[in-house]
mmCIF file of all heavy atoms, coordinates in Angstrom:
data_MODEL
# 
_entry.id   MODEL 
# 
loop_
_atom_site.group_PDB 
_atom_site.id 
_atom_site.type_symbol 
_atom_site.label_atom_id 
_atom_site.label_alt_id 
_atom_site.label_comp_id 
_atom_site.label_asym_id 
_atom_site.label_entity_id 
_atom_site.label_seq_id 
_atom_site.pdbx_PDB_ins_code 
_atom_site.Cartn_x 
_atom_site.Cartn_y 
_atom_site.Cartn_z 
_atom_site.occupancy 
_atom_site.B_iso_or_equiv 
_atom_site.pdbx_formal_charge 
_atom_site.auth_seq_id 
_atom_site.auth_comp_id 
_atom_site.auth_asym_id 
_atom_site.auth_atom_id 
_atom_site.pdbx_PDB_model_num 
ATOM 1   N N   . GLY A 1 1  ? 0.373   14.526 25.933 1.00 0.00 ? 1  GLY A N   1 
ATOM 2   C CA  . GLY A 1 1  ? -0.510  14.880 27.035 1.00 0.00 ? 1  GLY A CA  1 
ATOM 3   C C   . GLY A 1 1  ? -1.491  13.782 27.376 1.00 0.00 ? 1  GLY A C   1 
ATOM 4   O O   . GLY A 1 1  ? -1.450  12.675 26.831 1.00 0.00 ? 1  GLY A O   1 
ATOM 5   N N   . TYR A 1 2  ? -2.415  14.096 28.282 1.00 0.00 ? 2  TYR A N   1 
ATOM 6   C CA  . TYR A 1 2  ? -3.374  13.088 28.733 1.00 0.00 ? 2  TYR A CA  1 
ATOM 7   C C   . TYR A 1 2  ? -4.322  12.653 27.615 1.00 0.00 ? 2  TYR A C   1 
ATOM 8   O O   . TYR A 1 2  ? -4.541  11.459 27.403 1.00 0.00 ? 2  TYR A O   1 
ATOM 9   C CB  . TYR A 1 2  ? -4.194  13.640 29.903 1.00 0.00 ? 2  TYR A CB  1 
ATOM 10  C CG  . TYR A 1 2  ? -3.417  13.835 31.181 1.00 0.00 ? 2  TYR A CG  1 
ATOM 11  C CD1 . TYR A 1 2  ? -3.575  14.986 31.942 1.00 0.00 ? 2  TYR A CD1 1 
ATOM 12  C CD2 . TYR A 1 2  ? -2.534  12.858 31.639 1.00 0.00 ? 2  TYR A CD2 1 
ATOM 13  C CE1 . TYR A 1 2  ? -2.869  15.169 33.127 1.00 0.00 ? 2  TYR A CE1 1 
ATOM 14  C CE2 . TYR A 1 2  ? -1.819  13.036 32.815 1.00 0.00 ? 2  TYR A CE2 1 
ATOM 15  C CZ  . TYR A 1 2  ? -1.996  14.191 33.559 1.00 0.00 ? 2  TYR A CZ  1 
ATOM 16  O OH  . TYR A 1 2  ? -1.297  14.366 34.722 1.00 0.00 ? 2  TYR A OH  1 
ATOM 17  N N   . THR A 1 3  ? -4.902  13.611 26.877 1.00 0.00 ? 3  THR A N   1 
ATOM 18  C CA  . THR A 1 3  ? -5.839  13.232 25.820 1.00 0.00 ? 3  THR A CA  1 
ATOM 19  C C   . THR A 1 3  ? -5.116  12.500 24.694 1.00 0.00 ? 3  THR A C   1 
ATOM 20  O O   . THR A 1 3  ? -5.651  11.554 24.116 1.00 0.00 ? 3  THR A O   1 
ATOM 21  C CB  . THR A 1 3  ? -6.571  14.463 25.260 1.00 0.00 ? 3  THR A CB  1 
ATOM 22  O OG1 . THR A 1 3  ? -5.625  15.421 24.795 1.00 0.00 ? 3  THR A OG1 1 
ATOM 23  C CG2 . THR A 1 3  ? -7.456  15.093 26.317 1.00 0.00 ? 3  THR A CG2 1 
ATOM 24  N N   . GLY A 1 4  ? -3.878  12.941 24.384 1.00 0.00 ? 4  GLY A N   1 
ATOM 25  C CA  . GLY A 1 4  ? -3.095  12.244 23.374 1.00 0.00 ? 4  GLY A CA  1 
ATOM 26  C C   . GLY A 1 4  ? -2.799  10.818 23.778 1.00 0.00 ? 4  GLY A C   1 
ATOM 27  O O   . GLY A 1 4  ? -2.901  9.893  22.966 1.00 0.00 ? 4  GLY A O   1 
ATOM 28  N N   . GLY A 1 5  ? -2.436  10.611 25.044 1.00 0.00 ? 5  GLY A N   1 
ATOM 29  C CA  . GLY A 1 5  ? -2.161  9.257  25.526 1.00 0.00 ? 5  GLY A CA  1 
ATOM 30  C C   . GLY A 1 5  ? -3.375  8.356  25.462 1.00 0.00 ? 5  GLY A C   1 
ATOM 31  O O   . GLY A 1 5  ? -3.270  7.187  25.060 1.00 0.00 ? 5  GLY A O   1 
ATOM 32  N N   . GLU A 1 6  ? -4.533  8.889  25.838 1.00 0.00 ? 6  GLU A N   1 
ATOM 33  C CA  . GLU A 1 6  ? -5.752  8.090  25.753 1.00 0.00 ? 6  GLU A CA  1 
ATOM 34  C C   . GLU A 1 6  ? -6.095  7.763  24.302 1.00 0.00 ? 6  GLU A C   1 
ATOM 35  O O   . GLU A 1 6  ? -6.533  6.652  23.978 1.00 0.00 ? 6  GLU A O   1 
ATOM 36  C CB  . GLU A 1 6  ? -6.917  8.838  26.400 1.00 0.00 ? 6  GLU A CB  1 
ATOM 37  C CG  . GLU A 1 6  ? -6.929  8.786  27.915 1.00 0.00 ? 6  GLU A CG  1 
ATOM 38  C CD  . GLU A 1 6  ? -7.120  7.371  28.422 1.00 0.00 ? 6  GLU A CD  1 
ATOM 39  O OE1 . GLU A 1 6  ? -8.276  6.929  28.571 1.00 0.00 ? 6  GLU A OE1 1 
ATOM 40  O OE2 . GLU A 1 6  ? -6.111  6.685  28.660 1.00 0.00 ? 6  GLU A OE2 1 
ATOM 41  N N   . LEU A 1 7  ? -5.888  8.716  23.417 1.00 0.00 ? 7  LEU A N   1 
ATOM 42  C CA  . LEU A 1 7  ? -6.183  8.493  22.007 1.00 0.00 ? 7  LEU A CA  1 
ATOM 43  C C   . LEU A 1 7  ? -5.267  7.433  21.410 1.00 0.00 ? 7  LEU A C   1 
ATOM 44  O O   . LEU A 1 7  ? -5.707  6.571  20.633 1.00 0.00 ? 7  LEU A O   1 
ATOM 45  C CB  . LEU A 1 7  ? -6.056  9.811  21.250 1.00 0.00 ? 7  LEU A CB  1 
ATOM 46  C CG  . LEU A 1 7  ? -6.639  9.878  19.846 1.00 0.00 ? 7  LEU A CG  1 
ATOM 47  C CD1 . LEU A 1 7  ? -8.082  9.395  19.802 1.00 0.00 ? 7  LEU A CD1 1 
ATOM 48  C CD2 . LEU A 1 7  ? -6.549  11.311 19.330 1.00 0.00 ? 7  LEU A CD2 1 
ATOM 49  N N   . ILE A 1 8  ? -3.986  7.466  21.766 1.00 0.00 ? 8  ILE A N   1 
ATOM 50  C CA  . ILE A 1 8  ? -3.056  6.431  21.300 1.00 0.00 ? 8  ILE A CA  1 
ATOM 51  C C   . ILE A 1 8  ? -3.547  5.063  21.755 1.00 0.00 ? 8  ILE A C   1 
ATOM 52  O O   . ILE A 1 8  ? -3.599  4.104  20.973 1.00 0.00 ? 8  ILE A O   1 
ATOM 53  C CB  . ILE A 1 8  ? -1.642  6.693  21.828 1.00 0.00 ? 8  ILE A CB  1 
ATOM 54  C CG1 . ILE A 1 8  ? -1.074  7.985  21.239 1.00 0.00 ? 8  ILE A CG1 1 
ATOM 55  C CG2 . ILE A 1 8  ? -0.716  5.518  21.504 1.00 0.00 ? 8  ILE A CG2 1 
ATOM 56  C CD1 . ILE A 1 8  ? 0.195   8.469  21.921 1.00 0.00 ? 8  ILE A CD1 1 
ATOM 57  N N   . ARG A 1 9  ? -3.894  4.955  23.018 1.00 0.00 ? 9  ARG A N   1 
ATOM 58  C CA  . ARG A 1 9  ? -4.376  3.677  23.566 1.00 0.00 ? 9  ARG A CA  1 
ATOM 59  C C   . ARG A 1 9  ? -5.590  3.166  22.799 1.00 0.00 ? 9  ARG A C   1 
ATOM 60  O O   . ARG A 1 9  ? -5.661  1.978  22.426 1.00 0.00 ? 9  ARG A O   1 
ATOM 61  C CB  . ARG A 1 9  ? -4.734  3.854  25.042 1.00 0.00 ? 9  ARG A CB  1 
ATOM 62  C CG  . ARG A 1 9  ? -5.340  2.614  25.699 1.00 0.00 ? 9  ARG A CG  1 
ATOM 63  C CD  . ARG A 1 9  ? -5.545  2.848  27.183 1.00 0.00 ? 9  ARG A CD  1 
ATOM 64  N NE  . ARG A 1 9  ? -6.654  3.733  27.477 1.00 0.00 ? 9  ARG A NE  1 
ATOM 65  C CZ  . ARG A 1 9  ? -7.910  3.328  27.712 1.00 0.00 ? 9  ARG A CZ  1 
ATOM 66  N NH1 . ARG A 1 9  ? -8.201  2.040  27.640 1.00 0.00 ? 9  ARG A NH1 1 
ATOM 67  N NH2 . ARG A 1 9  ? -8.855  4.200  28.009 1.00 0.00 ? 9  ARG A NH2 1 
ATOM 68  N N   . LEU A 1 10 ? -6.537  4.037  22.535 1.00 0.00 ? 10 LEU A N   1 
ATOM 69  C CA  . LEU A 1 10 ? -7.757  3.632  21.846 1.00 0.00 ? 10 LEU A CA  1 
ATOM 70  C C   . LEU A 1 10 ? -7.483  3.258  20.390 1.00 0.00 ? 10 LEU A C   1 
ATOM 71  O O   . LEU A 1 10 ? -8.025  2.264  19.881 1.00 0.00 ? 10 LEU A O   1 
ATOM 72  C CB  . LEU A 1 10 ? -8.797  4.749  21.920 1.00 0.00 ? 10 LEU A CB  1 
ATOM 73  C CG  . LEU A 1 10 ? -9.311  5.084  23.327 1.00 0.00 ? 10 LEU A CG  1 
ATOM 74  C CD1 . LEU A 1 10 ? -10.180 6.331  23.292 1.00 0.00 ? 10 LEU A CD1 1 
ATOM 75  C CD2 . LEU A 1 10 ? -10.080 3.910  23.919 1.00 0.00 ? 10 LEU A CD2 1 
ATOM 76  N N   . LEU A 1 11 ? -6.649  4.034  19.708 1.00 0.00 ? 11 LEU A N   1 
ATOM 77  C CA  . LEU A 1 11 ? -6.367  3.762  18.295 1.00 0.00 ? 11 LEU A CA  1 
ATOM 78  C C   . LEU A 1 11 ? -5.577  2.461  18.124 1.00 0.00 ? 11 LEU A C   1 
ATOM 79  O O   . LEU A 1 11 ? -5.787  1.724  17.148 1.00 0.00 ? 11 LEU A O   1 
ATOM 80  C CB  . LEU A 1 11 ? -5.604  4.928  17.676 1.00 0.00 ? 11 LEU A CB  1 
ATOM 81  C CG  . LEU A 1 11 ? -6.409  6.213  17.456 1.00 0.00 ? 11 LEU A CG  1 
ATOM 82  C CD1 . LEU A 1 11 ? -5.488  7.344  17.025 1.00 0.00 ? 11 LEU A CD1 1 
ATOM 83  C CD2 . LEU A 1 11 ? -7.503  5.995  16.416 1.00 0.00 ? 11 LEU A CD2 1 
ATOM 84  N N   . LEU A 1 12 ? -4.674  2.165  19.052 1.00 0.00 ? 12 LEU A N   1 
ATOM 85  C CA  . LEU A 1 12 ? -3.906  0.918  18.964 1.00 0.00 ? 12 LEU A CA  1 
ATOM 86  C C   . LEU A 1 12 ? -4.809  -0.308 19.066 1.00 0.00 ? 12 LEU A C   1 
ATOM 87  O O   . LEU A 1 12 ? -4.451  -1.390 18.583 1.00 0.00 ? 12 LEU A O   1 
ATOM 88  C CB  . LEU A 1 12 ? -2.853  0.870  20.073 1.00 0.00 ? 12 LEU A CB  1 
ATOM 89  C CG  . LEU A 1 12 ? -1.652  1.809  19.913 1.00 0.00 ? 12 LEU A CG  1 
ATOM 90  C CD1 . LEU A 1 12 ? -0.774  1.757  21.153 1.00 0.00 ? 12 LEU A CD1 1 
ATOM 91  C CD2 . LEU A 1 12 ? -0.842  1.446  18.669 1.00 0.00 ? 12 LEU A CD2 1 
ATOM 92  N N   . ASN A 1 13 ? -5.968  -0.144 19.673 1.00 0.00 ? 13 ASN A N   1 
ATOM 93  C CA  . ASN A 1 13 ? -6.891  -1.263 19.841 1.00 0.00 ? 13 ASN A CA  1 
ATOM 94  C C   . ASN A 1 13 ? -8.066  -1.219 18.877 1.00 0.00 ? 13 ASN A C   1 
ATOM 95  O O   . ASN A 1 13 ? -9.031  -1.967 19.050 1.00 0.00 ? 13 ASN A O   1 
ATOM 96  C CB  . ASN A 1 13 ? -7.401  -1.296 21.289 1.00 0.00 ? 13 ASN A CB  1 
ATOM 97  C CG  . ASN A 1 13 ? -6.341  -1.765 22.260 1.00 0.00 ? 13 ASN A CG  1 
ATOM 98  O OD1 . ASN A 1 13 ? -6.021  -2.938 22.344 1.00 0.00 ? 13 ASN A OD1 1 
ATOM 99  N ND2 . ASN A 1 13 ? -5.756  -0.822 22.993 1.00 0.00 ? 13 ASN A ND2 1 
ATOM 100 N N   . HIS A 1 14 ? -7.982  -0.336 17.873 1.00 0.00 ? 14 HIS A N   1 
ATOM 101 C CA  . HIS A 1 14 ? -9.025  -0.229 16.857 1.00 0.00 ? 14 HIS A CA  1 
ATOM 102 C C   . HIS A 1 14 ? -8.640  -1.100 15.669 1.00 0.00 ? 14 HIS A C   1 
ATOM 103 O O   . HIS A 1 14 ? -7.561  -0.923 15.088 1.00 0.00 ? 14 HIS A O   1 
ATOM 104 C CB  . HIS A 1 14 ? -9.191  1.224  16.429 1.00 0.00 ? 14 HIS A CB  1 
ATOM 105 C CG  . HIS A 1 14 ? -10.452 1.514  15.681 1.00 0.00 ? 14 HIS A CG  1 
ATOM 106 N ND1 . HIS A 1 14 ? -10.715 0.994  14.429 1.00 0.00 ? 14 HIS A ND1 1 
ATOM 107 C CD2 . HIS A 1 14 ? -11.534 2.267  16.010 1.00 0.00 ? 14 HIS A CD2 1 
ATOM 108 C CE1 . HIS A 1 14 ? -11.892 1.434  14.016 1.00 0.00 ? 14 HIS A CE1 1 
ATOM 109 N NE2 . HIS A 1 14 ? -12.409 2.206  14.960 1.00 0.00 ? 14 HIS A NE2 1 
ATOM 110 N N   . ARG A 1 15 ? -9.479  -2.032 15.293 1.00 0.00 ? 15 ARG A N   1 
ATOM 111 C CA  . ARG A 1 15 ? -9.111  -3.018 14.271 1.00 0.00 ? 15 ARG A CA  1 
ATOM 112 C C   . ARG A 1 15 ? -9.032  -2.444 12.858 1.00 0.00 ? 15 ARG A C   1 
ATOM 113 O O   . ARG A 1 15 ? -8.513  -3.104 11.945 1.00 0.00 ? 15 ARG A O   1 
ATOM 114 C CB  . ARG A 1 15 ? -10.099 -4.175 14.285 1.00 0.00 ? 15 ARG A CB  1 
ATOM 115 C CG  . ARG A 1 15 ? -11.537 -3.792 13.960 1.00 0.00 ? 15 ARG A CG  1 
ATOM 116 C CD  . ARG A 1 15 ? -12.452 -4.977 14.070 1.00 0.00 ? 15 ARG A CD  1 
ATOM 117 N NE  . ARG A 1 15 ? -13.848 -4.613 13.797 1.00 0.00 ? 15 ARG A NE  1 
ATOM 118 C CZ  . ARG A 1 15 ? -14.870 -5.470 13.836 1.00 0.00 ? 15 ARG A CZ  1 
ATOM 119 N NH1 . ARG A 1 15 ? -14.628 -6.739 14.138 1.00 0.00 ? 15 ARG A NH1 1 
ATOM 120 N NH2 . ARG A 1 15 ? -16.089 -5.071 13.579 1.00 0.00 ? 15 ARG A NH2 1 
ATOM 121 N N   . SER A 1 16 ? -9.531  -1.215 12.640 1.00 0.00 ? 16 SER A N   1 
ATOM 122 C CA  . SER A 1 16 ? -9.545  -0.654 11.284 1.00 0.00 ? 16 SER A CA  1 
ATOM 123 C C   . SER A 1 16 ? -8.639  0.552  11.132 1.00 0.00 ? 16 SER A C   1 
ATOM 124 O O   . SER A 1 16 ? -8.741  1.285  10.155 1.00 0.00 ? 16 SER A O   1 
ATOM 125 C CB  . SER A 1 16 ? -10.979 -0.273 10.892 1.00 0.00 ? 16 SER A CB  1 
ATOM 126 O OG  . SER A 1 16 ? -11.822 -1.402 10.882 1.00 0.00 ? 16 SER A OG  1 
ATOM 127 N N   . VAL A 1 17 ? -7.756  0.787  12.106 1.00 0.00 ? 17 VAL A N   1 
ATOM 128 C CA  . VAL A 1 17 ? -6.887  1.968  12.077 1.00 0.00 ? 17 VAL A CA  1 
ATOM 129 C C   . VAL A 1 17 ? -5.429  1.557  12.249 1.00 0.00 ? 17 VAL A C   1 
ATOM 130 O O   . VAL A 1 17 ? -5.105  0.740  13.118 1.00 0.00 ? 17 VAL A O   1 
ATOM 131 C CB  . VAL A 1 17 ? -7.269  2.970  13.185 1.00 0.00 ? 17 VAL A CB  1 
ATOM 132 C CG1 . VAL A 1 17 ? -6.311  4.165  13.181 1.00 0.00 ? 17 VAL A CG1 1 
ATOM 133 C CG2 . VAL A 1 17 ? -8.697  3.463  12.997 1.00 0.00 ? 17 VAL A CG2 1 
ATOM 134 N N   . ALA A 1 18 ? -4.578  2.134  11.428 1.00 0.00 ? 18 ALA A N   1 
ATOM 135 C CA  . ALA A 1 18 ? -3.125  2.007  11.603 1.00 0.00 ? 18 ALA A CA  1 
ATOM 136 C C   . ALA A 1 18 ? -2.610  3.373  12.041 1.00 0.00 ? 18 ALA A C   1 
ATOM 137 O O   . ALA A 1 18 ? -2.783  4.367  11.321 1.00 0.00 ? 18 ALA A O   1 
ATOM 138 C CB  . ALA A 1 18 ? -2.460  1.577  10.308 1.00 0.00 ? 18 ALA A CB  1 
ATOM 139 N N   . LEU A 1 19 ? -1.995  3.430  13.213 1.00 0.00 ? 19 LEU A N   1 
ATOM 140 C CA  . LEU A 1 19 ? -1.474  4.690  13.727 1.00 0.00 ? 19 LEU A CA  1 
ATOM 141 C C   . LEU A 1 19 ? -0.166  5.006  13.000 1.00 0.00 ? 19 LEU A C   1 
ATOM 142 O O   . LEU A 1 19 ? 0.841   4.320  13.180 1.00 0.00 ? 19 LEU A O   1 
ATOM 143 C CB  . LEU A 1 19 ? -1.256  4.589  15.238 1.00 0.00 ? 19 LEU A CB  1 
ATOM 144 C CG  . LEU A 1 19 ? -0.813  5.874  15.957 1.00 0.00 ? 19 LEU A CG  1 
ATOM 145 C CD1 . LEU A 1 19 ? -1.768  7.019  15.678 1.00 0.00 ? 19 LEU A CD1 1 
ATOM 146 C CD2 . LEU A 1 19 ? -0.697  5.621  17.458 1.00 0.00 ? 19 LEU A CD2 1 
ATOM 147 N N   . ASP A 1 20 ? -0.178  6.047  12.177 1.00 0.00 ? 20 ASP A N   1 
ATOM 148 C CA  . ASP A 1 20 ? 0.944   6.375  11.309 1.00 0.00 ? 20 ASP A CA  1 
ATOM 149 C C   . ASP A 1 20 ? 2.011   7.194  12.037 1.00 0.00 ? 20 ASP A C   1 
ATOM 150 O O   . ASP A 1 20 ? 3.207   6.919  11.918 1.00 0.00 ? 20 ASP A O   1 
ATOM 151 C CB  . ASP A 1 20 ? 0.433   7.149  10.091 1.00 0.00 ? 20 ASP A CB  1 
ATOM 152 C CG  . ASP A 1 20 ? 1.514   7.388  9.064  1.00 0.00 ? 20 ASP A CG  1 
ATOM 153 O OD1 . ASP A 1 20 ? 2.221   8.420  9.160  1.00 0.00 ? 20 ASP A OD1 1 
ATOM 154 O OD2 . ASP A 1 20 ? 1.667   6.553  8.165  1.00 0.00 ? 20 ASP A OD2 1 
ATOM 155 N N   . PHE A 1 21 ? 1.606   8.216  12.768 1.00 0.00 ? 21 PHE A N   1 
ATOM 156 C CA  . PHE A 1 21 ? 2.576   9.046  13.478 1.00 0.00 ? 21 PHE A CA  1 
ATOM 157 C C   . PHE A 1 21 ? 1.911   9.720  14.673 1.00 0.00 ? 21 PHE A C   1 
ATOM 158 O O   . PHE A 1 21 ? 0.706   9.928  14.707 1.00 0.00 ? 21 PHE A O   1 
ATOM 159 C CB  . PHE A 1 21 ? 3.196   10.106 12.559 1.00 0.00 ? 21 PHE A CB  1 
ATOM 160 C CG  . PHE A 1 21 ? 2.240   11.208 12.156 1.00 0.00 ? 21 PHE A CG  1 
ATOM 161 C CD1 . PHE A 1 21 ? 2.078   12.344 12.944 1.00 0.00 ? 21 PHE A CD1 1 
ATOM 162 C CD2 . PHE A 1 21 ? 1.502   11.107 10.983 1.00 0.00 ? 21 PHE A CD2 1 
ATOM 163 C CE1 . PHE A 1 21 ? 1.200   13.350 12.574 1.00 0.00 ? 21 PHE A CE1 1 
ATOM 164 C CE2 . PHE A 1 21 ? 0.622   12.108 10.604 1.00 0.00 ? 21 PHE A CE2 1 
ATOM 165 C CZ  . PHE A 1 21 ? 0.475   13.236 11.402 1.00 0.00 ? 21 PHE A CZ  1 
ATOM 166 N N   . VAL A 1 22 ? 2.749   10.056 15.650 1.00 0.00 ? 22 VAL A N   1 
ATOM 167 C CA  . VAL A 1 22 ? 2.325   10.859 16.806 1.00 0.00 ? 22 VAL A CA  1 
ATOM 168 C C   . VAL A 1 22 ? 3.322   12.002 16.912 1.00 0.00 ? 22 VAL A C   1 
ATOM 169 O O   . VAL A 1 22 ? 4.466   11.806 17.311 1.00 0.00 ? 22 VAL A O   1 
ATOM 170 C CB  . VAL A 1 22 ? 2.296   10.029 18.109 1.00 0.00 ? 22 VAL A CB  1 
ATOM 171 C CG1 . VAL A 1 22 ? 1.831   10.911 19.266 1.00 0.00 ? 22 VAL A CG1 1 
ATOM 172 C CG2 . VAL A 1 22 ? 1.396   8.809  17.949 1.00 0.00 ? 22 VAL A CG2 1 
ATOM 173 N N   . PHE A 1 23 ? 2.888   13.182 16.542 1.00 0.00 ? 23 PHE A N   1 
ATOM 174 C CA  . PHE A 1 23 ? 3.777   14.347 16.443 1.00 0.00 ? 23 PHE A CA  1 
ATOM 175 C C   . PHE A 1 23 ? 3.909   15.026 17.802 1.00 0.00 ? 23 PHE A C   1 
ATOM 176 O O   . PHE A 1 23 ? 2.922   15.271 18.501 1.00 0.00 ? 23 PHE A O   1 
ATOM 177 C CB  . PHE A 1 23 ? 3.208   15.332 15.423 1.00 0.00 ? 23 PHE A CB  1 
ATOM 178 C CG  . PHE A 1 23 ? 3.972   16.626 15.320 1.00 0.00 ? 23 PHE A CG  1 
ATOM 179 C CD1 . PHE A 1 23 ? 5.110   16.706 14.549 1.00 0.00 ? 23 PHE A CD1 1 
ATOM 180 C CD2 . PHE A 1 23 ? 3.533   17.758 15.992 1.00 0.00 ? 23 PHE A CD2 1 
ATOM 181 C CE1 . PHE A 1 23 ? 5.811   17.903 14.439 1.00 0.00 ? 23 PHE A CE1 1 
ATOM 182 C CE2 . PHE A 1 23 ? 4.227   18.954 15.886 1.00 0.00 ? 23 PHE A CE2 1 
ATOM 183 C CZ  . PHE A 1 23 ? 5.368   19.029 15.110 1.00 0.00 ? 23 PHE A CZ  1 
ATOM 184 N N   . SER A 1 24 ? 5.144   15.337 18.184 1.00 0.00 ? 24 SER A N   1 
ATOM 185 C CA  . SER A 1 24 ? 5.395   16.056 19.423 1.00 0.00 ? 24 SER A CA  1 
ATOM 186 C C   . SER A 1 24 ? 6.637   16.909 19.264 1.00 0.00 ? 24 SER A C   1 
ATOM 187 O O   . SER A 1 24 ? 7.688   16.409 18.854 1.00 0.00 ? 24 SER A O   1 
ATOM 188 C CB  . SER A 1 24 ? 5.582   15.087 20.601 1.00 0.00 ? 24 SER A CB  1 
ATOM 189 O OG  . SER A 1 24 ? 5.968   15.771 21.774 1.00 0.00 ? 24 SER A OG  1 
# 
């Protein structure tokens, strides 16, 4: 969804976070 997409974008650009999974 929209909030999920924005969160993915923000987390991908966060220097201290590794995005492990996006469940759908």
